[in-house]
Amino acid sequence: MDWRFLEEHDSKWLLKLSKKHHEESDWSEVTYSEDKVKNYIEAATNDPNYFGIVLEEKDKRIGFMAGKLLEYPFSYELFARELDLYVVPEHRKGKAGMFMMKKFIDWAKGNKALEVIFEPRLSDKHIKKFDAMAKRLGMSHFANAYRRKL
């Protein structure tokens, strides 16, 4: 597998893939905005506080990951937060997700983040696989999310 930072020529592919990502998510009933996603892709491509990568295998794009450096609300010190992690379905049984997570952790260390936070937006049936990957990366579970649809 090869990886590289997002480039402007990835925009059309990423926009198409983001629609699939949205359709698969627990938020598929929320209206998808192509304009909002275009702005997000532009920020992930050009803002140095964003981590945006494409994963390739044999010159074919098979996944992407985005994250961001943020300051704690109570401090000027930094942490890195995963925003999106997506692997095309035919490559999900491999190590693509783990590979991108490791790259994000390395990037965060290089940018002096004190920690990385992954908040996977997965249904309960998919969270066990993510949990296993996170444990292999030495991560610990520290919080749960709750929501109420209105």
N, C-alpha and C. Protein backbone atom coordinates (compact mmCIF):
# COMPACT_ATOMS: atom_id res chain seq x y z
N MET A 1 0.83 -1.18 0.00
CA MET A 1 0.00 0.00 0.00
C MET A 1 0.87 1.24 0.00
N ASP A 2 0.41 2.24 -0.70
CA ASP A 2 1.06 3.54 -0.73
C ASP A 2 0.08 4.58 -0.23
N TRP A 3 0.60 5.64 0.31
CA TRP A 3 -0.25 6.73 0.76
C TRP A 3 0.37 8.04 0.33
N ARG A 4 -0.47 9.05 0.32
CA ARG A 4 0.00 10.40 0.02
C ARG A 4 -1.02 11.38 0.58
N PHE A 5 -0.58 12.60 0.78
CA PHE A 5 -1.51 13.63 1.21
C PHE A 5 -2.47 13.97 0.08
N LEU A 6 -3.66 14.39 0.45
CA LEU A 6 -4.67 14.79 -0.53
C LEU A 6 -4.11 15.85 -1.46
N GLU A 7 -4.53 15.75 -2.72
CA GLU A 7 -4.17 16.75 -3.71
C GLU A 7 -5.45 17.22 -4.39
N GLU A 8 -5.39 18.37 -5.01
CA GLU A 8 -6.61 18.92 -5.61
C GLU A 8 -7.25 17.98 -6.62
N HIS A 9 -6.47 17.21 -7.34
CA HIS A 9 -7.04 16.31 -8.35
C HIS A 9 -7.83 15.15 -7.72
N ASP A 10 -7.75 14.99 -6.40
CA ASP A 10 -8.52 13.95 -5.71
C ASP A 10 -9.95 14.39 -5.40
N SER A 11 -10.26 15.66 -5.61
CA SER A 11 -11.53 16.22 -5.17
C SER A 11 -12.75 15.48 -5.73
N LYS A 12 -12.78 15.24 -7.04
CA LYS A 12 -13.95 14.56 -7.63
C LYS A 12 -14.12 13.16 -7.06
N TRP A 13 -13.03 12.42 -6.96
CA TRP A 13 -13.08 11.07 -6.41
C TRP A 13 -13.56 11.10 -4.97
N LEU A 14 -13.01 12.00 -4.19
CA LEU A 14 -13.36 12.08 -2.78
C LEU A 14 -14.81 12.52 -2.59
N LEU A 15 -15.27 13.42 -3.41
CA LEU A 15 -16.67 13.85 -3.34
C LEU A 15 -17.60 12.67 -3.62
N LYS A 16 -17.28 11.90 -4.64
CA LYS A 16 -18.08 10.71 -4.97
C LYS A 16 -18.05 9.71 -3.81
N LEU A 17 -16.87 9.47 -3.28
CA LEU A 17 -16.72 8.51 -2.19
C LEU A 17 -17.40 9.00 -0.91
N SER A 18 -17.38 10.30 -0.68
CA SER A 18 -18.02 10.82 0.53
C SER A 18 -19.52 10.59 0.51
N LYS A 19 -20.12 10.57 -0.66
CA LYS A 19 -21.56 10.28 -0.76
C LYS A 19 -21.83 8.84 -0.32
N LYS A 20 -20.98 7.92 -0.75
CA LYS A 20 -21.12 6.52 -0.34
C LYS A 20 -20.91 6.39 1.17
N HIS A 21 -19.90 7.09 1.66
CA HIS A 21 -19.60 7.08 3.09
C HIS A 21 -20.82 7.57 3.89
N HIS A 22 -21.43 8.63 3.43
CA HIS A 22 -22.61 9.19 4.08
C HIS A 22 -23.78 8.20 4.04
N GLU A 23 -24.00 7.58 2.91
CA GLU A 23 -25.10 6.62 2.76
C GLU A 23 -24.95 5.43 3.70
N GLU A 24 -23.72 5.02 3.98
CA GLU A 24 -23.46 3.88 4.86
C GLU A 24 -23.55 4.25 6.34
N SER A 25 -23.52 5.53 6.64
CA SER A 25 -23.41 5.95 8.03
C SER A 25 -24.77 5.96 8.74
N ASP A 26 -24.70 6.10 10.05
CA ASP A 26 -25.91 6.24 10.86
C ASP A 26 -26.57 7.60 10.64
N TRP A 27 -25.93 8.48 9.89
CA TRP A 27 -26.48 9.81 9.63
C TRP A 27 -27.00 9.93 8.21
N SER A 28 -27.32 8.82 7.60
CA SER A 28 -27.76 8.85 6.20
C SER A 28 -29.08 9.62 6.02
N GLU A 29 -29.87 9.76 7.08
CA GLU A 29 -31.12 10.51 6.95
C GLU A 29 -30.89 12.02 7.00
N VAL A 30 -29.69 12.45 7.37
CA VAL A 30 -29.36 13.87 7.39
C VAL A 30 -29.02 14.30 5.96
N THR A 31 -29.51 15.45 5.56
CA THR A 31 -29.30 15.93 4.19
C THR A 31 -27.82 16.12 3.91
N TYR A 32 -27.37 15.52 2.82
CA TYR A 32 -25.98 15.62 2.36
C TYR A 32 -25.83 16.90 1.56
N SER A 33 -24.80 17.69 1.87
CA SER A 33 -24.53 18.93 1.14
C SER A 33 -23.22 18.80 0.38
N GLU A 34 -23.31 18.78 -0.93
CA GLU A 34 -22.11 18.68 -1.76
C GLU A 34 -21.22 19.91 -1.58
N ASP A 35 -21.83 21.09 -1.46
CA ASP A 35 -21.04 22.31 -1.26
C ASP A 35 -20.25 22.26 0.05
N LYS A 36 -20.88 21.78 1.11
CA LYS A 36 -20.21 21.68 2.40
C LYS A 36 -19.03 20.71 2.31
N VAL A 37 -19.24 19.59 1.63
CA VAL A 37 -18.17 18.60 1.48
C VAL A 37 -17.03 19.16 0.63
N LYS A 38 -17.35 19.91 -0.39
CA LYS A 38 -16.30 20.54 -1.21
C LYS A 38 -15.42 21.46 -0.36
N ASN A 39 -16.06 22.24 0.51
CA ASN A 39 -15.29 23.13 1.40
C ASN A 39 -14.43 22.33 2.36
N TYR A 40 -14.96 21.23 2.86
CA TYR A 40 -14.22 20.35 3.77
C TYR A 40 -13.00 19.76 3.05
N ILE A 41 -13.20 19.28 1.83
CA ILE A 41 -12.10 18.71 1.05
C ILE A 41 -11.03 19.77 0.80
N GLU A 42 -11.45 20.99 0.47
CA GLU A 42 -10.49 22.06 0.23
C GLU A 42 -9.68 22.36 1.51
N ALA A 43 -10.34 22.40 2.64
CA ALA A 43 -9.63 22.64 3.90
C ALA A 43 -8.65 21.50 4.20
N ALA A 44 -9.10 20.27 4.01
CA ALA A 44 -8.24 19.11 4.28
C ALA A 44 -7.05 19.06 3.33
N THR A 45 -7.19 19.66 2.17
CA THR A 45 -6.11 19.68 1.18
C THR A 45 -5.12 20.81 1.44
N ASN A 46 -5.60 21.94 1.94
CA ASN A 46 -4.77 23.14 2.00
C ASN A 46 -4.41 23.65 3.39
N ASP A 47 -5.16 23.31 4.40
CA ASP A 47 -4.91 23.82 5.76
C ASP A 47 -3.90 22.92 6.46
N PRO A 48 -2.76 23.47 6.92
CA PRO A 48 -1.74 22.63 7.56
C PRO A 48 -2.19 21.99 8.88
N ASN A 49 -3.30 22.46 9.45
CA ASN A 49 -3.81 21.85 10.67
C ASN A 49 -4.67 20.62 10.39
N TYR A 50 -4.92 20.36 9.12
CA TYR A 50 -5.67 19.17 8.71
C TYR A 50 -4.71 18.09 8.25
N PHE A 51 -5.11 16.87 8.51
CA PHE A 51 -4.44 15.69 8.00
C PHE A 51 -5.42 15.08 7.01
N GLY A 52 -5.05 15.04 5.76
CA GLY A 52 -5.90 14.43 4.74
C GLY A 52 -5.04 13.55 3.84
N ILE A 53 -5.32 12.24 3.85
CA ILE A 53 -4.53 11.34 3.01
C ILE A 53 -5.42 10.45 2.15
N VAL A 54 -4.80 9.95 1.11
CA VAL A 54 -5.41 8.97 0.21
C VAL A 54 -4.54 7.72 0.29
N LEU A 55 -5.19 6.58 0.36
CA LEU A 55 -4.48 5.31 0.37
C LEU A 55 -4.66 4.66 -1.00
N GLU A 56 -3.56 4.17 -1.56
CA GLU A 56 -3.59 3.58 -2.89
C GLU A 56 -3.00 2.17 -2.87
N GLU A 57 -3.52 1.36 -3.76
CA GLU A 57 -2.97 0.03 -3.98
C GLU A 57 -2.96 -0.19 -5.47
N LYS A 58 -1.78 -0.44 -6.00
CA LYS A 58 -1.61 -0.63 -7.45
C LYS A 58 -2.21 0.54 -8.23
N ASP A 59 -1.88 1.76 -7.82
CA ASP A 59 -2.33 3.00 -8.45
C ASP A 59 -3.85 3.20 -8.43
N LYS A 60 -4.55 2.47 -7.56
CA LYS A 60 -5.99 2.66 -7.41
C LYS A 60 -6.26 3.16 -6.00
N ARG A 61 -7.03 4.23 -5.89
CA ARG A 61 -7.37 4.79 -4.58
C ARG A 61 -8.35 3.86 -3.87
N ILE A 62 -8.01 3.48 -2.63
CA ILE A 62 -8.85 2.52 -1.91
C ILE A 62 -9.36 3.06 -0.57
N GLY A 63 -8.95 4.25 -0.18
CA GLY A 63 -9.44 4.80 1.07
C GLY A 63 -8.93 6.20 1.32
N PHE A 64 -9.51 6.83 2.31
CA PHE A 64 -9.05 8.14 2.71
C PHE A 64 -9.22 8.30 4.22
N MET A 65 -8.48 9.24 4.75
CA MET A 65 -8.61 9.58 6.15
C MET A 65 -8.38 11.06 6.32
N ALA A 66 -9.15 11.66 7.23
CA ALA A 66 -8.98 13.07 7.56
C ALA A 66 -8.97 13.22 9.07
N GLY A 67 -8.21 14.18 9.53
CA GLY A 67 -8.14 14.51 10.94
C GLY A 67 -7.69 15.94 11.09
N LYS A 68 -7.62 16.41 12.32
CA LYS A 68 -7.27 17.81 12.53
C LYS A 68 -6.58 18.00 13.87
N LEU A 69 -5.64 18.94 13.88
CA LEU A 69 -5.02 19.39 15.13
C LEU A 69 -5.93 20.43 15.76
N LEU A 70 -6.17 20.28 17.04
CA LEU A 70 -7.02 21.21 17.78
C LEU A 70 -6.38 21.56 19.11
N GLU A 71 -6.72 22.72 19.62
CA GLU A 71 -6.32 23.07 20.97
C GLU A 71 -7.39 22.57 21.93
N TYR A 72 -6.96 22.14 23.09
CA TYR A 72 -7.93 21.81 24.13
C TYR A 72 -8.72 23.08 24.46
N PRO A 73 -9.99 22.96 24.83
CA PRO A 73 -10.76 24.16 25.18
C PRO A 73 -10.20 24.90 26.39
N PHE A 74 -9.39 24.23 27.19
CA PHE A 74 -8.86 24.79 28.44
C PHE A 74 -7.35 25.02 28.39
N SER A 75 -6.73 24.85 27.22
CA SER A 75 -5.28 24.94 27.12
C SER A 75 -4.89 25.27 25.69
N TYR A 76 -3.65 25.77 25.54
CA TYR A 76 -3.13 26.02 24.20
C TYR A 76 -2.40 24.80 23.64
N GLU A 77 -2.33 23.76 24.42
CA GLU A 77 -1.68 22.54 23.93
C GLU A 77 -2.61 21.84 22.94
N LEU A 78 -2.00 20.95 22.14
CA LEU A 78 -2.71 20.36 21.02
C LEU A 78 -3.07 18.89 21.23
N PHE A 79 -4.16 18.49 20.59
CA PHE A 79 -4.50 17.09 20.42
C PHE A 79 -4.93 16.92 18.98
N ALA A 80 -4.94 15.71 18.49
CA ALA A 80 -5.36 15.43 17.12
C ALA A 80 -6.62 14.57 17.16
N ARG A 81 -7.59 14.94 16.36
CA ARG A 81 -8.87 14.23 16.34
C ARG A 81 -9.15 13.71 14.94
N GLU A 82 -9.47 12.44 14.87
CA GLU A 82 -9.88 11.82 13.61
C GLU A 82 -11.24 12.39 13.23
N LEU A 83 -11.40 12.71 11.95
CA LEU A 83 -12.67 13.22 11.45
C LEU A 83 -13.38 12.20 10.57
N ASP A 84 -12.64 11.56 9.69
CA ASP A 84 -13.20 10.57 8.77
C ASP A 84 -12.18 9.50 8.47
N LEU A 85 -12.66 8.30 8.36
CA LEU A 85 -11.84 7.16 7.97
C LEU A 85 -12.73 6.27 7.12
N TYR A 86 -12.35 6.07 5.87
CA TYR A 86 -13.19 5.27 4.98
C TYR A 86 -12.31 4.42 4.08
N VAL A 87 -12.69 3.15 3.98
CA VAL A 87 -12.04 2.20 3.09
C VAL A 87 -13.12 1.64 2.17
N VAL A 88 -12.83 1.59 0.87
CA VAL A 88 -13.82 1.05 -0.06
C VAL A 88 -14.13 -0.40 0.34
N PRO A 89 -15.37 -0.82 0.18
CA PRO A 89 -15.81 -2.12 0.71
C PRO A 89 -14.93 -3.32 0.34
N GLU A 90 -14.45 -3.39 -0.87
CA GLU A 90 -13.67 -4.57 -1.28
C GLU A 90 -12.29 -4.66 -0.64
N HIS A 91 -11.89 -3.63 0.09
CA HIS A 91 -10.57 -3.63 0.76
C HIS A 91 -10.68 -3.60 2.28
N ARG A 92 -11.85 -3.81 2.81
CA ARG A 92 -12.06 -3.70 4.26
C ARG A 92 -11.54 -4.88 5.06
N LYS A 93 -11.28 -5.98 4.45
CA LYS A 93 -10.78 -7.14 5.20
C LYS A 93 -9.27 -7.08 5.40
N GLY A 94 -8.62 -6.14 4.74
CA GLY A 94 -7.17 -6.01 4.86
C GLY A 94 -6.79 -5.07 5.99
N LYS A 95 -5.64 -4.45 5.82
CA LYS A 95 -5.08 -3.60 6.88
C LYS A 95 -5.13 -2.12 6.53
N ALA A 96 -5.97 -1.74 5.59
CA ALA A 96 -6.01 -0.35 5.13
C ALA A 96 -6.35 0.62 6.25
N GLY A 97 -7.39 0.32 7.02
CA GLY A 97 -7.79 1.20 8.11
C GLY A 97 -6.69 1.36 9.14
N MET A 98 -6.10 0.27 9.54
CA MET A 98 -5.01 0.29 10.52
C MET A 98 -3.83 1.10 9.99
N PHE A 99 -3.50 0.92 8.73
CA PHE A 99 -2.40 1.63 8.09
C PHE A 99 -2.61 3.14 8.19
N MET A 100 -3.83 3.60 7.84
CA MET A 100 -4.11 5.04 7.88
C MET A 100 -4.11 5.57 9.31
N MET A 101 -4.62 4.79 10.24
CA MET A 101 -4.61 5.20 11.65
C MET A 101 -3.18 5.41 12.13
N LYS A 102 -2.28 4.51 11.75
CA LYS A 102 -0.87 4.66 12.14
C LYS A 102 -0.26 5.92 11.54
N LYS A 103 -0.58 6.21 10.30
CA LYS A 103 -0.06 7.43 9.66
C LYS A 103 -0.56 8.68 10.38
N PHE A 104 -1.81 8.65 10.80
CA PHE A 104 -2.37 9.78 11.54
C PHE A 104 -1.67 9.97 12.88
N ILE A 105 -1.43 8.88 13.58
CA ILE A 105 -0.73 8.94 14.86
C ILE A 105 0.68 9.51 14.66
N ASP A 106 1.39 9.06 13.63
CA ASP A 106 2.73 9.58 13.35
C ASP A 106 2.69 11.09 13.05
N TRP A 107 1.70 11.51 12.25
CA TRP A 107 1.55 12.92 11.91
C TRP A 107 1.28 13.74 13.17
N ALA A 108 0.41 13.22 14.03
CA ALA A 108 0.07 13.93 15.28
C ALA A 108 1.31 14.09 16.16
N LYS A 109 2.10 13.02 16.29
CA LYS A 109 3.34 13.12 17.07
C LYS A 109 4.26 14.19 16.49
N GLY A 110 4.41 14.18 15.18
CA GLY A 110 5.27 15.15 14.51
C GLY A 110 4.80 16.58 14.66
N ASN A 111 3.53 16.76 14.96
CA ASN A 111 2.96 18.09 15.15
C ASN A 111 2.76 18.44 16.62
N LYS A 112 3.41 17.67 17.49
CA LYS A 112 3.44 17.94 18.93
C LYS A 112 2.09 17.80 19.63
N ALA A 113 1.22 16.97 19.08
CA ALA A 113 -0.04 16.69 19.77
C ALA A 113 0.24 15.82 20.99
N LEU A 114 -0.49 16.04 22.06
CA LEU A 114 -0.32 15.25 23.27
C LEU A 114 -1.05 13.92 23.20
N GLU A 115 -2.08 13.85 22.37
CA GLU A 115 -2.84 12.62 22.22
C GLU A 115 -3.63 12.65 20.92
N VAL A 116 -4.09 11.48 20.52
CA VAL A 116 -5.01 11.37 19.38
C VAL A 116 -6.33 10.82 19.90
N ILE A 117 -7.38 11.29 19.28
CA ILE A 117 -8.72 10.83 19.65
C ILE A 117 -9.41 10.36 18.39
N PHE A 118 -9.86 9.13 18.44
CA PHE A 118 -10.67 8.55 17.37
C PHE A 118 -12.08 8.42 17.92
N GLU A 119 -13.04 8.95 17.21
CA GLU A 119 -14.44 8.81 17.59
C GLU A 119 -15.19 8.19 16.42
N PRO A 120 -15.07 6.89 16.28
CA PRO A 120 -15.70 6.25 15.14
C PRO A 120 -17.22 6.38 15.20
N ARG A 121 -17.77 6.78 14.09
CA ARG A 121 -19.22 6.90 13.99
C ARG A 121 -19.75 5.64 13.31
N LEU A 122 -19.76 4.58 14.09
CA LEU A 122 -20.13 3.26 13.58
C LEU A 122 -21.30 2.70 14.36
N SER A 123 -22.05 1.87 13.71
CA SER A 123 -23.13 1.19 14.42
C SER A 123 -22.53 0.15 15.35
N ASP A 124 -23.31 -0.30 16.30
CA ASP A 124 -22.83 -1.27 17.28
C ASP A 124 -22.29 -2.54 16.62
N LYS A 125 -22.85 -2.92 15.47
CA LYS A 125 -22.38 -4.15 14.83
C LYS A 125 -20.99 -4.01 14.21
N HIS A 126 -20.54 -2.77 13.95
CA HIS A 126 -19.22 -2.55 13.36
C HIS A 126 -18.16 -2.08 14.36
N ILE A 127 -18.59 -1.68 15.54
CA ILE A 127 -17.65 -1.08 16.49
C ILE A 127 -16.64 -2.09 17.03
N LYS A 128 -16.99 -3.37 17.08
CA LYS A 128 -16.06 -4.37 17.62
C LYS A 128 -14.79 -4.47 16.78
N LYS A 129 -14.92 -4.37 15.47
CA LYS A 129 -13.74 -4.43 14.60
C LYS A 129 -12.86 -3.21 14.84
N PHE A 130 -13.47 -2.04 14.97
CA PHE A 130 -12.69 -0.84 15.24
C PHE A 130 -12.01 -0.94 16.59
N ASP A 131 -12.74 -1.43 17.59
CA ASP A 131 -12.19 -1.58 18.93
C ASP A 131 -10.94 -2.47 18.91
N ALA A 132 -10.98 -3.54 18.14
CA ALA A 132 -9.82 -4.44 18.05
C ALA A 132 -8.63 -3.72 17.41
N MET A 133 -8.88 -2.93 16.36
CA MET A 133 -7.78 -2.18 15.72
C MET A 133 -7.19 -1.17 16.70
N ALA A 134 -8.06 -0.46 17.42
CA ALA A 134 -7.59 0.56 18.35
C ALA A 134 -6.72 -0.07 19.45
N LYS A 135 -7.12 -1.20 19.94
CA LYS A 135 -6.33 -1.87 20.98
C LYS A 135 -4.97 -2.28 20.44
N ARG A 136 -4.90 -2.74 19.18
CA ARG A 136 -3.61 -3.11 18.58
C ARG A 136 -2.69 -1.90 18.44
N LEU A 137 -3.28 -0.72 18.39
CA LEU A 137 -2.49 0.51 18.31
C LEU A 137 -2.15 1.08 19.68
N GLY A 138 -2.51 0.36 20.73
CA GLY A 138 -2.20 0.80 22.09
C GLY A 138 -3.16 1.86 22.61
N MET A 139 -4.31 1.98 22.00
CA MET A 139 -5.29 2.97 22.43
C MET A 139 -6.19 2.37 23.50
N SER A 140 -6.75 3.22 24.32
CA SER A 140 -7.68 2.75 25.34
C SER A 140 -9.03 3.43 25.16
N HIS A 141 -10.06 2.74 25.54
CA HIS A 141 -11.42 3.26 25.46
C HIS A 141 -11.64 4.18 26.66
N PHE A 142 -12.10 5.41 26.44
CA PHE A 142 -12.23 6.32 27.57
C PHE A 142 -13.57 7.03 27.67
N ALA A 143 -14.42 6.93 26.70
CA ALA A 143 -15.70 7.63 26.79
C ALA A 143 -16.72 6.97 25.87
N ASN A 144 -17.92 7.26 26.10
CA ASN A 144 -19.00 6.79 25.23
C ASN A 144 -19.79 8.00 24.76
N ALA A 145 -20.47 7.84 23.67
CA ALA A 145 -21.32 8.90 23.16
C ALA A 145 -22.77 8.49 23.33
N TYR A 146 -23.59 9.46 23.53
CA TYR A 146 -25.03 9.25 23.61
C TYR A 146 -25.69 10.28 22.72
N ARG A 147 -26.80 9.90 22.13
CA ARG A 147 -27.51 10.86 21.33
C ARG A 147 -29.00 10.63 21.43
N ARG A 148 -29.72 11.68 21.08
CA ARG A 148 -31.17 11.61 21.06
C ARG A 148 -31.62 12.28 19.78
N LYS A 149 -32.24 11.54 18.91
CA LYS A 149 -32.74 12.13 17.69
C LYS A 149 -34.01 12.91 18.01
N LEU A 150 -34.10 14.08 17.43
CA LEU A 150 -35.25 14.96 17.68
C LEU A 150 -36.18 15.04 16.48
